[in-house]
Amino acid sequence: MSFKDMVANDNKAVFLNTSEFAGDLNVIYDGDTYEEIPIVLTGLKEQDKATTVRQGDHSQGIYLVTSILHCALEDLGGKQPEKGARIKIQDAPKSSFYREFYVAQSVVEMGMIRAELEELDE
């Protein structure tokens, strides 16, 4: 067994373990729905949008929420989220509410997706 195989096994057995870190959530990306895939969504942070945009934008009361998504590439149908694309993630297991994000950046390393997501919130 290679090092990459061992890391892939550890990712599924530990990091994407729904009893430890991950949650089984539905994800809608590129017109497809991926049901109850183990994902880790971290860093739901708000920052004043006015600090992130150029002067002259009068969007007071709107905040930019940033998050990091981790999931297995194979669980997302082998699709790496593209910059600027929209992705919807179920708010909680069995919930009918989805949070909609824009992909700011994504990378795939050893079969795992790490995507930086942004959401506008009032």
PDB file of N, CA and C in Angstrom:
ATOM      1  N   MET A   1       0.848  -1.175   0.000  1.00  0.00           N
ATOM      2  CA  MET A   1       0.000   0.000   0.000  1.00  0.00           C
ATOM      3  C   MET A   1       0.895   1.241   0.000  1.00  0.00           C
ATOM      4  N   SER A   2       0.596   2.168  -0.905  1.00  0.00           N
ATOM      5  CA  SER A   2       1.412   3.379  -1.025  1.00  0.00           C
ATOM      6  C   SER A   2       1.016   4.404   0.038  1.00  0.00           C
ATOM      7  N   PHE A   3       1.843   5.428   0.174  1.00  0.00           N
ATOM      8  CA  PHE A   3       1.571   6.512   1.121  1.00  0.00           C
ATOM      9  C   PHE A   3       0.254   7.195   0.777  1.00  0.00           C
ATOM     10  N   LYS A   4       0.017   7.437  -0.508  1.00  0.00           N
ATOM     11  CA  LYS A   4      -1.228   8.092  -0.937  1.00  0.00           C
ATOM     12  C   LYS A   4      -2.446   7.243  -0.585  1.00  0.00           C
ATOM     13  N   ASP A   5      -2.320   5.935  -0.717  1.00  0.00           N
ATOM     14  CA  ASP A   5      -3.421   5.043  -0.341  1.00  0.00           C
ATOM     15  C   ASP A   5      -3.700   5.117   1.157  1.00  0.00           C
ATOM     16  N   MET A   6      -2.634   5.179   1.950  1.00  0.00           N
ATOM     17  CA  MET A   6      -2.800   5.275   3.406  1.00  0.00           C
ATOM     18  C   MET A   6      -3.466   6.596   3.794  1.00  0.00           C
ATOM     19  N   VAL A   7      -3.070   7.699   3.140  1.00  0.00           N
ATOM     20  CA  VAL A   7      -3.679   8.997   3.419  1.00  0.00           C
ATOM     21  C   VAL A   7      -5.157   8.980   3.032  1.00  0.00           C
ATOM     22  N   ALA A   8      -5.478   8.402   1.878  1.00  0.00           N
ATOM     23  CA  ALA A   8      -6.875   8.316   1.431  1.00  0.00           C
ATOM     24  C   ALA A   8      -7.715   7.521   2.428  1.00  0.00           C
ATOM     25  N   ASN A   9      -7.170   6.427   2.935  1.00  0.00           N
ATOM     26  CA  ASN A   9      -7.885   5.628   3.942  1.00  0.00           C
ATOM     27  C   ASN A   9      -8.092   6.419   5.225  1.00  0.00           C
ATOM     28  N   ASP A  10      -7.054   7.150   5.656  1.00  0.00           N
ATOM     29  CA  ASP A  10      -7.166   7.966   6.868  1.00  0.00           C
ATOM     30  C   ASP A  10      -8.182   9.090   6.691  1.00  0.00           C
ATOM     31  N   ASN A  11      -8.213   9.703   5.510  1.00  0.00           N
ATOM     32  CA  ASN A  11      -9.184  10.770   5.265  1.00  0.00           C
ATOM     33  C   ASN A  11     -10.604  10.264   5.468  1.00  0.00           C
ATOM     34  N   LYS A  12     -10.900   9.097   4.920  1.00  0.00           N
ATOM     35  CA  LYS A  12     -12.249   8.548   5.043  1.00  0.00           C
ATOM     36  C   LYS A  12     -12.523   8.020   6.449  1.00  0.00           C
ATOM     37  N   ALA A  13     -11.544   7.359   7.049  1.00  0.00           N
ATOM     38  CA  ALA A  13     -11.764   6.727   8.349  1.00  0.00           C
ATOM     39  C   ALA A  13     -11.751   7.717   9.508  1.00  0.00           C
ATOM     40  N   VAL A  14     -11.019   8.819   9.368  1.00  0.00           N
ATOM     41  CA  VAL A  14     -10.881   9.754  10.483  1.00  0.00           C
ATOM     42  C   VAL A  14     -11.503  11.110  10.156  1.00  0.00           C
ATOM     43  N   PHE A  15     -10.927  11.818   9.192  1.00  0.00           N
ATOM     44  CA  PHE A  15     -11.339  13.188   8.930  1.00  0.00           C
ATOM     45  C   PHE A  15     -12.774  13.275   8.419  1.00  0.00           C
ATOM     46  N   LEU A  16     -13.175  12.363   7.515  1.00  0.00           N
ATOM     47  CA  LEU A  16     -14.534  12.380   6.985  1.00  0.00           C
ATOM     48  C   LEU A  16     -15.459  11.427   7.730  1.00  0.00           C
ATOM     49  N   ASN A  17     -15.053  11.016   8.913  1.00  0.00           N
ATOM     50  CA  ASN A  17     -15.867  10.153   9.760  1.00  0.00           C
ATOM     51  C   ASN A  17     -16.991  10.996  10.368  1.00  0.00           C
ATOM     52  N   THR A  18     -18.245  10.616  10.106  1.00  0.00           N
ATOM     53  CA  THR A  18     -19.373  11.413  10.598  1.00  0.00           C
ATOM     54  C   THR A  18     -19.550  11.327  12.114  1.00  0.00           C
ATOM     55  N   SER A  19     -18.875  10.409  12.758  1.00  0.00           N
ATOM     56  CA  SER A  19     -18.904  10.352  14.225  1.00  0.00           C
ATOM     57  C   SER A  19     -17.854  11.274  14.841  1.00  0.00           C
ATOM     58  N   GLU A  20     -16.942  11.761  14.022  1.00  0.00           N
ATOM     59  CA  GLU A  20     -15.863  12.615  14.512  1.00  0.00           C
ATOM     60  C   GLU A  20     -16.025  14.062  14.052  1.00  0.00           C
ATOM     61  N   PHE A  21     -15.697  14.342  12.785  1.00  0.00           N
ATOM     62  CA  PHE A  21     -15.638  15.718  12.292  1.00  0.00           C
ATOM     63  C   PHE A  21     -16.704  16.047  11.257  1.00  0.00           C
ATOM     64  N   ALA A  22     -17.026  15.114  10.384  1.00  0.00           N
ATOM     65  CA  ALA A  22     -17.865  15.378   9.213  1.00  0.00           C
ATOM     66  C   ALA A  22     -19.351  15.249   9.513  1.00  0.00           C
ATOM     67  N   GLY A  23     -20.132  15.789   8.601  1.00  0.00           N
ATOM     68  CA  GLY A  23     -21.576  15.624   8.645  1.00  0.00           C
ATOM     69  C   GLY A  23     -22.050  15.138   7.288  1.00  0.00           C
ATOM     70  N   ASP A  24     -23.072  14.290   7.288  1.00  0.00           N
ATOM     71  CA  ASP A  24     -23.653  13.808   6.036  1.00  0.00           C
ATOM     72  C   ASP A  24     -24.644  14.849   5.541  1.00  0.00           C
ATOM     73  N   LEU A  25     -24.235  15.627   4.553  1.00  0.00           N
ATOM     74  CA  LEU A  25     -25.069  16.714   4.046  1.00  0.00           C
ATOM     75  C   LEU A  25     -25.256  16.582   2.541  1.00  0.00           C
ATOM     76  N   ASN A  26     -26.352  17.127   2.054  1.00  0.00           N
ATOM     77  CA  ASN A  26     -26.590  17.181   0.615  1.00  0.00           C
ATOM     78  C   ASN A  26     -25.860  18.380   0.039  1.00  0.00           C
ATOM     79  N   VAL A  27     -25.301  18.205  -1.142  1.00  0.00           N
ATOM     80  CA  VAL A  27     -24.589  19.276  -1.840  1.00  0.00           C
ATOM     81  C   VAL A  27     -25.134  19.340  -3.262  1.00  0.00           C
ATOM     82  N   ILE A  28     -25.433  20.557  -3.714  1.00  0.00           N
ATOM     83  CA  ILE A  28     -25.872  20.765  -5.087  1.00  0.00           C
ATOM     84  C   ILE A  28     -24.783  21.556  -5.792  1.00  0.00           C
ATOM     85  N   TYR A  29     -24.216  20.950  -6.822  1.00  0.00           N
ATOM     86  CA  TYR A  29     -23.149  21.611  -7.583  1.00  0.00           C
ATOM     87  C   TYR A  29     -23.272  21.241  -9.049  1.00  0.00           C
ATOM     88  N   ASP A  30     -23.147  22.221  -9.898  1.00  0.00           N
ATOM     89  CA  ASP A  30     -23.129  22.021 -11.347  1.00  0.00           C
ATOM     90  C   ASP A  30     -24.366  21.259 -11.842  1.00  0.00           C
ATOM     91  N   GLY A  31     -25.516  21.561 -11.229  1.00  0.00           N
ATOM     92  CA  GLY A  31     -26.770  20.946 -11.643  1.00  0.00           C
ATOM     93  C   GLY A  31     -27.030  19.559 -11.103  1.00  0.00           C
ATOM     94  N   ASP A  32     -26.103  19.011 -10.327  1.00  0.00           N
ATOM     95  CA  ASP A  32     -26.262  17.676  -9.760  1.00  0.00           C
ATOM     96  C   ASP A  32     -26.392  17.754  -8.246  1.00  0.00           C
ATOM     97  N   THR A  33     -27.198  16.859  -7.686  1.00  0.00           N
ATOM     98  CA  THR A  33     -27.356  16.771  -6.236  1.00  0.00           C
ATOM     99  C   THR A  33     -26.621  15.538  -5.736  1.00  0.00           C
ATOM    100  N   TYR A  34     -25.762  15.751  -4.759  1.00  0.00           N
ATOM    101  CA  TYR A  34     -25.003  14.666  -4.134  1.00  0.00           C
ATOM    102  C   TYR A  34     -25.573  14.511  -2.733  1.00  0.00           C
ATOM    103  N   GLU A  35     -26.260  13.399  -2.508  1.00  0.00           N
ATOM    104  CA  GLU A  35     -27.003  13.223  -1.270  1.00  0.00           C
ATOM    105  C   GLU A  35     -26.168  12.574  -0.175  1.00  0.00           C
ATOM    106  N   GLU A  36     -26.279  13.191   0.996  1.00  0.00           N
ATOM    107  CA  GLU A  36     -25.671  12.692   2.230  1.00  0.00           C
ATOM    108  C   GLU A  36     -24.218  12.265   2.046  1.00  0.00           C
ATOM    109  N   ILE A  37     -23.407  13.206   1.573  1.00  0.00           N
ATOM    110  CA  ILE A  37     -21.981  12.919   1.461  1.00  0.00           C
ATOM    111  C   ILE A  37     -21.284  13.501   2.693  1.00  0.00           C
ATOM    112  N   PRO A  38     -20.247  12.821   3.186  1.00  0.00           N
ATOM    113  CA  PRO A  38     -19.541  13.339   4.353  1.00  0.00           C
ATOM    114  C   PRO A  38     -18.701  14.560   3.980  1.00  0.00           C
ATOM    115  N   ILE A  39     -19.004  15.693   4.610  1.00  0.00           N
ATOM    116  CA  ILE A  39     -18.228  16.910   4.377  1.00  0.00           C
ATOM    117  C   ILE A  39     -17.884  17.551   5.709  1.00  0.00           C
ATOM    118  N   VAL A  40     -16.828  18.349   5.679  1.00  0.00           N
ATOM    119  CA  VAL A  40     -16.460  19.180   6.818  1.00  0.00           C
ATOM    120  C   VAL A  40     -16.525  20.617   6.324  1.00  0.00           C
ATOM    121  N   LEU A  41     -17.353  21.428   6.969  1.00  0.00           N
ATOM    122  CA  LEU A  41     -17.506  22.829   6.619  1.00  0.00           C
ATOM    123  C   LEU A  41     -17.074  23.638   7.830  1.00  0.00           C
ATOM    124  N   THR A  42     -15.981  24.368   7.678  1.00  0.00           N
ATOM    125  CA  THR A  42     -15.425  25.103   8.813  1.00  0.00           C
ATOM    126  C   THR A  42     -15.323  26.590   8.515  1.00  0.00           C
ATOM    127  N   GLY A  43     -15.157  27.357   9.574  1.00  0.00           N
ATOM    128  CA  GLY A  43     -14.804  28.762   9.437  1.00  0.00           C
ATOM    129  C   GLY A  43     -15.915  29.676   9.003  1.00  0.00           C
ATOM    130  N   LEU A  44     -17.157  29.412   9.402  1.00  0.00           N
ATOM    131  CA  LEU A  44     -18.226  30.338   9.053  1.00  0.00           C
ATOM    132  C   LEU A  44     -17.970  31.656   9.786  1.00  0.00           C
ATOM    133  N   LYS A  45     -17.265  32.554   9.100  1.00  0.00           N
ATOM    134  CA  LYS A  45     -16.896  33.841   9.697  1.00  0.00           C
ATOM    135  C   LYS A  45     -17.530  34.964   8.897  1.00  0.00           C
ATOM    136  N   GLU A  46     -17.999  35.975   9.606  1.00  0.00           N
ATOM    137  CA  GLU A  46     -18.546  37.149   8.936  1.00  0.00           C
ATOM    138  C   GLU A  46     -17.545  38.283   9.023  1.00  0.00           C
ATOM    139  N   GLN A  47     -17.463  39.031   7.944  1.00  0.00           N
ATOM    140  CA  GLN A  47     -16.684  40.257   7.977  1.00  0.00           C
ATOM    141  C   GLN A  47     -17.454  41.307   7.204  1.00  0.00           C
ATOM    142  N   ASP A  48     -17.298  42.554   7.589  1.00  0.00           N
ATOM    143  CA  ASP A  48     -18.012  43.635   6.940  1.00  0.00           C
ATOM    144  C   ASP A  48     -17.614  43.694   5.483  1.00  0.00           C
ATOM    145  N   LYS A  49     -18.586  43.590   4.587  1.00  0.00           N
ATOM    146  CA  LYS A  49     -18.305  43.589   3.154  1.00  0.00           C
ATOM    147  C   LYS A  49     -17.604  44.871   2.729  1.00  0.00           C
ATOM    148  N   ALA A  50     -17.895  45.970   3.412  1.00  0.00           N
ATOM    149  CA  ALA A  50     -17.289  47.247   3.041  1.00  0.00           C
ATOM    150  C   ALA A  50     -15.771  47.204   3.133  1.00  0.00           C
ATOM    151  N   THR A  51     -15.240  46.338   3.979  1.00  0.00           N
ATOM    152  CA  THR A  51     -13.785  46.245   4.096  1.00  0.00           C
ATOM    153  C   THR A  51     -13.180  45.391   2.991  1.00  0.00           C
ATOM    154  N   THR A  52     -14.033  44.656   2.254  1.00  0.00           N
ATOM    155  CA  THR A  52     -13.503  43.745   1.235  1.00  0.00           C
ATOM    156  C   THR A  52     -13.729  44.245  -0.180  1.00  0.00           C
ATOM    157  N   VAL A  53     -14.440  45.334  -0.345  1.00  0.00           N
ATOM    158  CA  VAL A  53     -14.711  45.858  -1.684  1.00  0.00           C
ATOM    159  C   VAL A  53     -14.150  47.258  -1.811  1.00  0.00           C
ATOM    160  N   ARG A  54     -14.101  47.741  -3.050  1.00  0.00           N
ATOM    161  CA  ARG A  54     -13.508  49.057  -3.281  1.00  0.00           C
ATOM    162  C   ARG A  54     -14.428  50.172  -2.804  1.00  0.00           C
ATOM    163  N   GLN A  55     -13.864  51.329  -2.622  1.00  0.00           N
ATOM    164  CA  GLN A  55     -14.628  52.490  -2.187  1.00  0.00           C
ATOM    165  C   GLN A  55     -15.707  52.812  -3.203  1.00  0.00           C
ATOM    166  N   GLY A  56     -16.824  53.323  -2.747  1.00  0.00           N
ATOM    167  CA  GLY A  56     -17.909  53.673  -3.640  1.00  0.00           C
ATOM    168  C   GLY A  56     -19.009  52.625  -3.656  1.00  0.00           C
ATOM    169  N   ASP A  57     -18.771  51.450  -3.093  1.00  0.00           N
ATOM    170  CA  ASP A  57     -19.801  50.428  -2.978  1.00  0.00           C
ATOM    171  C   ASP A  57     -20.572  50.736  -1.701  1.00  0.00           C
ATOM    172  N   HIS A  58     -21.838  51.008  -1.825  1.00  0.00           N
ATOM    173  CA  HIS A  58     -22.639  51.441  -0.672  1.00  0.00           C
ATOM    174  C   HIS A  58     -23.517  50.305  -0.160  1.00  0.00           C
ATOM    175  N   SER A  59     -22.927  49.191   0.136  1.00  0.00           N
ATOM    176  CA  SER A  59     -23.679  48.016   0.569  1.00  0.00           C
ATOM    177  C   SER A  59     -23.600  47.860   2.084  1.00  0.00           C
ATOM    178  N   GLN A  60     -24.109  48.836   2.798  1.00  0.00           N
ATOM    179  CA  GLN A  60     -24.069  48.779   4.254  1.00  0.00           C
ATOM    180  C   GLN A  60     -24.999  47.678   4.761  1.00  0.00           C
ATOM    181  N   GLY A  61     -24.594  47.021   5.814  1.00  0.00           N
ATOM    182  CA  GLY A  61     -25.397  45.973   6.415  1.00  0.00           C
ATOM    183  C   GLY A  61     -25.272  44.632   5.735  1.00  0.00           C
ATOM    184  N   ILE A  62     -24.403  44.523   4.749  1.00  0.00           N
ATOM    185  CA  ILE A  62     -24.174  43.235   4.086  1.00  0.00           C
ATOM    186  C   ILE A  62     -22.801  42.726   4.512  1.00  0.00           C
ATOM    187  N   TYR A  63     -22.744  41.465   4.854  1.00  0.00           N
ATOM    188  CA  TYR A  63     -21.516  40.872   5.343  1.00  0.00           C
ATOM    189  C   TYR A  63     -21.090  39.728   4.438  1.00  0.00           C
ATOM    190  N   LEU A  64     -19.795  39.557   4.321  1.00  0.00           N
ATOM    191  CA  LEU A  64     -19.221  38.472   3.545  1.00  0.00           C
ATOM    192  C   LEU A  64     -18.906  37.337   4.515  1.00  0.00           C
ATOM    193  N   VAL A  65     -19.484  36.169   4.273  1.00  0.00           N
ATOM    194  CA  VAL A  65     -19.262  35.007   5.127  1.00  0.00           C
ATOM    195  C   VAL A  65     -18.327  34.070   4.373  1.00  0.00           C
ATOM    196  N   THR A  66     -17.220  33.705   4.990  1.00  0.00           N
ATOM    197  CA  THR A  66     -16.271  32.806   4.352  1.00  0.00           C
ATOM    198  C   THR A  66     -16.239  31.465   5.091  1.00  0.00           C
ATOM    199  N   SER A  67     -16.092  30.400   4.327  1.00  0.00           N
ATOM    200  CA  SER A  67     -16.063  29.044   4.871  1.00  0.00           C
ATOM    201  C   SER A  67     -15.088  28.210   4.066  1.00  0.00           C
ATOM    202  N   ILE A  68     -14.685  27.097   4.647  1.00  0.00           N
ATOM    203  CA  ILE A  68     -13.828  26.135   3.966  1.00  0.00           C
ATOM    204  C   ILE A  68     -14.568  24.802   3.917  1.00  0.00           C
ATOM    205  N   LEU A  69     -14.666  24.249   2.714  1.00  0.00           N
ATOM    206  CA  LEU A  69     -15.306  22.957   2.503  1.00  0.00           C
ATOM    207  C   LEU A  69     -14.228  21.912   2.267  1.00  0.00           C
ATOM    208  N   HIS A  70     -14.338  20.798   2.956  1.00  0.00           N
ATOM    209  CA  HIS A  70     -13.475  19.638   2.731  1.00  0.00           C
ATOM    210  C   HIS A  70     -14.386  18.453   2.410  1.00  0.00           C
ATOM    211  N   CYS A  71     -14.097  17.765   1.312  1.00  0.00           N
ATOM    212  CA  CYS A  71     -14.814  16.533   0.993  1.00  0.00           C
ATOM    213  C   CYS A  71     -13.973  15.716   0.021  1.00  0.00           C
ATOM    214  N   ALA A  72     -14.349  14.467  -0.132  1.00  0.00           N
ATOM    215  CA  ALA A  72     -13.636  13.591  -1.067  1.00  0.00           C
ATOM    216  C   ALA A  72     -14.047  13.937  -2.489  1.00  0.00           C
ATOM    217  N   LEU A  73     -13.086  13.978  -3.392  1.00  0.00           N
ATOM    218  CA  LEU A  73     -13.349  14.282  -4.797  1.00  0.00           C
ATOM    219  C   LEU A  73     -14.361  13.294  -5.384  1.00  0.00           C
ATOM    220  N   GLU A  74     -14.231  12.023  -5.050  1.00  0.00           N
ATOM    221  CA  GLU A  74     -15.135  11.011  -5.589  1.00  0.00           C
ATOM    222  C   GLU A  74     -16.573  11.207  -5.101  1.00  0.00           C
ATOM    223  N   ASP A  75     -16.762  11.777  -3.895  1.00  0.00           N
ATOM    224  CA  ASP A  75     -18.112  12.002  -3.379  1.00  0.00           C
ATOM    225  C   ASP A  75     -18.822  13.136  -4.117  1.00  0.00           C
ATOM    226  N   LEU A  76     -18.061  14.003  -4.764  1.00  0.00           N
ATOM    227  CA  LEU A  76     -18.625  15.098  -5.554  1.00  0.00           C
ATOM    228  C   LEU A  76     -18.584  14.736  -7.042  1.00  0.00           C
ATOM    229  N   GLY A  77     -18.679  13.458  -7.317  1.00  0.00           N
ATOM    230  CA  GLY A  77     -18.732  12.973  -8.697  1.00  0.00           C
ATOM    231  C   GLY A  77     -17.456  13.201  -9.479  1.00  0.00           C
ATOM    232  N   GLY A  78     -16.332  13.389  -8.776  1.00  0.00           N
ATOM    233  CA  GLY A  78     -15.062  13.621  -9.452  1.00  0.00           C
ATOM    234  C   GLY A  78     -14.924  15.039  -9.984  1.00  0.00           C
ATOM    235  N   LYS A  79     -15.825  15.939  -9.594  1.00  0.00           N
ATOM    236  CA  LYS A  79     -15.797  17.329 -10.078  1.00  0.00           C
ATOM    237  C   LYS A  79     -15.144  18.246  -9.051  1.00  0.00           C
ATOM    238  N   GLN A  80     -14.118  18.943  -9.469  1.00  0.00           N
ATOM    239  CA  GLN A  80     -13.513  19.965  -8.616  1.00  0.00           C
ATOM    240  C   GLN A  80     -14.285  21.269  -8.809  1.00  0.00           C
ATOM    241  N   PRO A  81     -14.798  21.864  -7.737  1.00  0.00           N
ATOM    242  CA  PRO A  81     -15.530  23.130  -7.875  1.00  0.00           C
ATOM    243  C   PRO A  81     -14.660  24.203  -8.526  1.00  0.00           C
ATOM    244  N   GLU A  82     -15.239  24.904  -9.503  1.00  0.00           N
ATOM    245  CA  GLU A  82     -14.510  25.928 -10.232  1.00  0.00           C
ATOM    246  C   GLU A  82     -14.714  27.297  -9.601  1.00  0.00           C
ATOM    247  N   LYS A  83     -13.684  28.128  -9.679  1.00  0.00           N
ATOM    248  CA  LYS A  83     -13.752  29.481  -9.149  1.00  0.00           C
ATOM    249  C   LYS A  83     -14.916  30.224  -9.793  1.00  0.00           C
ATOM    250  N   GLY A  84     -15.719  30.886  -8.945  1.00  0.00           N
ATOM    251  CA  GLY A  84     -16.853  31.658  -9.418  1.00  0.00           C
ATOM    252  C   GLY A  84     -18.145  30.883  -9.529  1.00  0.00           C
ATOM    253  N   ALA A  85     -18.076  29.557  -9.437  1.00  0.00           N
ATOM    254  CA  ALA A  85     -19.278  28.723  -9.536  1.00  0.00           C
ATOM    255  C   ALA A  85     -20.078  28.803  -8.232  1.00  0.00           C
ATOM    256  N   ARG A  86     -21.346  28.493  -8.330  1.00  0.00           N
ATOM    257  CA  ARG A  86     -22.207  28.439  -7.149  1.00  0.00           C
ATOM    258  C   ARG A  86     -22.280  27.006  -6.644  1.00  0.00           C
ATOM    259  N   ILE A  87     -22.371  26.892  -5.323  1.00  0.00           N
ATOM    260  CA  ILE A  87     -22.532  25.586  -4.700  1.00  0.00           C
ATOM    261  C   ILE A  87     -23.495  25.765  -3.533  1.00  0.00           C
ATOM    262  N   LYS A  88     -24.429  24.848  -3.402  1.00  0.00           N
ATOM    263  CA  LYS A  88     -25.399  24.896  -2.308  1.00  0.00           C
ATOM    264  C   LYS A  88     -25.115  23.733  -1.377  1.00  0.00           C
ATOM    265  N   ILE A  89     -25.113  24.034  -0.074  1.00  0.00           N
ATOM    266  CA  ILE A  89     -24.818  23.012   0.928  1.00  0.00           C
ATOM    267  C   ILE A  89     -25.926  23.028   1.968  1.00  0.00           C
ATOM    268  N   GLN A  90     -26.449  21.851   2.249  1.00  0.00           N
ATOM    269  CA  GLN A  90     -27.510  21.699   3.239  1.00  0.00           C
ATOM    270  C   GLN A  90     -27.028  22.253   4.570  1.00  0.00           C
ATOM    271  N   ASP A  91     -27.900  23.003   5.247  1.00  0.00           N
ATOM    272  CA  ASP A  91     -27.525  23.658   6.497  1.00  0.00           C
ATOM    273  C   ASP A  91     -27.265  22.665   7.624  1.00  0.00           C
ATOM    274  N   ALA A  92     -28.061  21.610   7.676  1.00  0.00           N
ATOM    275  CA  ALA A  92     -27.921  20.583   8.715  1.00  0.00           C
ATOM    276  C   ALA A  92     -28.544  19.295   8.163  1.00  0.00           C
ATOM    277  N   PRO A  93     -28.139  18.142   8.693  1.00  0.00           N
ATOM    278  CA  PRO A  93     -28.745  16.897   8.220  1.00  0.00           C
ATOM    279  C   PRO A  93     -30.277  16.954   8.336  1.00  0.00           C
ATOM    280  N   LYS A  94     -30.947  16.463   7.328  1.00  0.00           N
ATOM    281  CA  LYS A  94     -32.415  16.397   7.247  1.00  0.00           C
ATOM    282  C   LYS A  94     -33.075  17.774   7.145  1.00  0.00           C
ATOM    283  N   SER A  95     -32.298  18.836   6.993  1.00  0.00           N
ATOM    284  CA  SER A  95     -32.842  20.190   6.851  1.00  0.00           C
ATOM    285  C   SER A  95     -33.234  20.440   5.397  1.00  0.00           C
ATOM    286  N   SER A  96     -34.247  21.288   5.194  1.00  0.00           N
ATOM    287  CA  SER A  96     -34.631  21.651   3.831  1.00  0.00           C
ATOM    288  C   SER A  96     -33.992  22.979   3.424  1.00  0.00           C
ATOM    289  N   PHE A  97     -33.235  23.600   4.343  1.00  0.00           N
ATOM    290  CA  PHE A  97     -32.570  24.878   4.055  1.00  0.00           C
ATOM    291  C   PHE A  97     -31.158  24.624   3.534  1.00  0.00           C
ATOM    292  N   TYR A  98     -30.811  25.337   2.470  1.00  0.00           N
ATOM    293  CA  TYR A  98     -29.470  25.254   1.889  1.00  0.00           C
ATOM    294  C   TYR A  98     -28.812  26.621   1.932  1.00  0.00           C
ATOM    295  N   ARG A  99     -27.537  26.640   2.233  1.00  0.00           N
ATOM    296  CA  ARG A  99     -26.737  27.863   2.141  1.00  0.00           C
ATOM    297  C   ARG A  99     -26.117  27.885   0.748  1.00  0.00           C
ATOM    298  N   GLU A 100     -26.157  29.039   0.101  1.00  0.00           N
ATOM    299  CA  GLU A 100     -25.596  29.155  -1.242  1.00  0.00           C
ATOM    300  C   GLU A 100     -24.300  29.945  -1.170  1.00  0.00           C
ATOM    301  N   PHE A 101     -23.253  29.375  -1.740  1.00  0.00           N
ATOM    302  CA  PHE A 101     -21.921  29.969  -1.718  1.00  0.00           C
ATOM    303  C   PHE A 101     -21.407  30.162  -3.136  1.00  0.00           C
ATOM    304  N   TYR A 102     -20.419  31.032  -3.255  1.00  0.00           N
ATOM    305  CA  TYR A 102     -19.609  31.149  -4.462  1.00  0.00           C
ATOM    306  C   TYR A 102     -18.251  30.544  -4.141  1.00  0.00           C
ATOM    307  N   VAL A 103     -17.692  29.836  -5.091  1.00  0.00           N
ATOM    308  CA  VAL A 103     -16.377  29.233  -4.899  1.00  0.00           C
ATOM    309  C   VAL A 103     -15.326  30.313  -5.158  1.00  0.00           C
ATOM    310  N   ALA A 104     -14.548  30.639  -4.139  1.00  0.00           N
ATOM    311  CA  ALA A 104     -13.478  31.631  -4.280  1.00  0.00           C
ATOM    312  C   ALA A 104     -12.202  30.976  -4.784  1.00  0.00           C
ATOM    313  N   GLN A 105     -11.987  29.722  -4.364  1.00  0.00           N
ATOM    314  CA  GLN A 105     -10.773  28.996  -4.743  1.00  0.00           C
ATOM    315  C   GLN A 105     -10.967  27.537  -4.359  1.00  0.00           C
ATOM    316  N   SER A 106     -10.379  26.631  -5.130  1.00  0.00           N
ATOM    317  CA  SER A 106     -10.415  25.228  -4.734  1.00  0.00           C
ATOM    318  C   SER A 106      -9.175  24.510  -5.229  1.00  0.00           C
ATOM    319  N   VAL A 107      -8.762  23.535  -4.446  1.00  0.00           N
ATOM    320  CA  VAL A 107      -7.630  22.686  -4.804  1.00  0.00           C
ATOM    321  C   VAL A 107      -8.002  21.244  -4.468  1.00  0.00           C
ATOM    322  N   VAL A 108      -7.351  20.324  -5.177  1.00  0.00           N
ATOM    323  CA  VAL A 108      -7.520  18.902  -4.889  1.00  0.00           C
ATOM    324  C   VAL A 108      -6.146  18.342  -4.595  1.00  0.00           C
ATOM    325  N   GLU A 109      -6.014  17.732  -3.444  1.00  0.00           N
ATOM    326  CA  GLU A 109      -4.763  17.084  -3.051  1.00  0.00           C
ATOM    327  C   GLU A 109      -5.089  15.722  -2.477  1.00  0.00           C
ATOM    328  N   MET A 110      -4.466  14.700  -3.014  1.00  0.00           N
ATOM    329  CA  MET A 110      -4.630  13.320  -2.566  1.00  0.00           C
ATOM    330  C   MET A 110      -6.096  12.919  -2.445  1.00  0.00           C
ATOM    331  N   GLY A 111      -6.889  13.310  -3.443  1.00  0.00           N
ATOM    332  CA  GLY A 111      -8.280  12.898  -3.490  1.00  0.00           C
ATOM    333  C   GLY A 111      -9.241  13.713  -2.642  1.00  0.00           C
ATOM    334  N   MET A 112      -8.732  14.763  -1.982  1.00  0.00           N
ATOM    335  CA  MET A 112      -9.577  15.613  -1.133  1.00  0.00           C
ATOM    336  C   MET A 112      -9.720  17.001  -1.744  1.00  0.00           C
ATOM    337  N   ILE A 113     -10.943  17.508  -1.720  1.00  0.00           N
ATOM    338  CA  ILE A 113     -11.214  18.872  -2.168  1.00  0.00           C
ATOM    339  C   ILE A 113     -11.130  19.799  -0.966  1.00  0.00           C
ATOM    340  N   ARG A 114     -10.448  20.916  -1.159  1.00  0.00           N
ATOM    341  CA  ARG A 114     -10.446  22.001  -0.179  1.00  0.00           C
ATOM    342  C   ARG A 114     -10.891  23.229  -0.947  1.00  0.00           C
ATOM    343  N   ALA A 115     -12.111  23.700  -0.666  1.00  0.00           N
ATOM    344  CA  ALA A 115     -12.669  24.830  -1.397  1.00  0.00           C
ATOM    345  C   ALA A 115     -12.955  25.972  -0.438  1.00  0.00           C
ATOM    346  N   GLU A 116     -12.472  27.156  -0.800  1.00  0.00           N
ATOM    347  CA  GLU A 116     -12.802  28.358  -0.040  1.00  0.00           C
ATOM    348  C   GLU A 116     -14.084  28.919  -0.627  1.00  0.00           C
ATOM    349  N   LEU A 117     -15.078  29.121   0.234  1.00  0.00           N
ATOM    350  CA  LEU A 117     -16.397  29.544  -0.203  1.00  0.00           C
ATOM    351  C   LEU A 117     -16.741  30.908   0.380  1.00  0.00           C
ATOM    352  N   GLU A 118     -17.521  31.679  -0.370  1.00  0.00           N
ATOM    353  CA  GLU A 118     -17.977  32.981   0.102  1.00  0.00           C
ATOM    354  C   GLU A 118     -19.477  33.077  -0.063  1.00  0.00           C
ATOM    355  N   GLU A 119     -20.109  33.757   0.911  1.00  0.00           N
ATOM    356  CA  GLU A 119     -21.554  33.927   0.900  1.00  0.00           C
ATOM    357  C   GLU A 119     -21.857  35.343   1.376  1.00  0.00           C
ATOM    358  N   LEU A 120     -22.816  36.005   0.753  1.00  0.00           N
ATOM    359  CA  LEU A 120     -23.244  37.319   1.213  1.00  0.00           C
ATOM    360  C   LEU A 120     -24.420  37.135   2.152  1.00  0.00           C
ATOM    361  N   ASP A 121     -24.384  37.826   3.279  1.00  0.00           N
ATOM    362  CA  ASP A 121     -25.413  37.702   4.298  1.00  0.00           C
ATOM    363  C   ASP A 121     -25.820  39.092   4.752  1.00  0.00           C
ATOM    364  N   GLU A 122     -27.073  39.243   5.118  1.00  0.00           N
ATOM    365  CA  GLU A 122     -27.554  40.542   5.606  1.00  0.00           C
ATOM    366  C   GLU A 122     -27.604  40.564   7.102  1.00  0.00           C
TER     367      GLU A 122
END
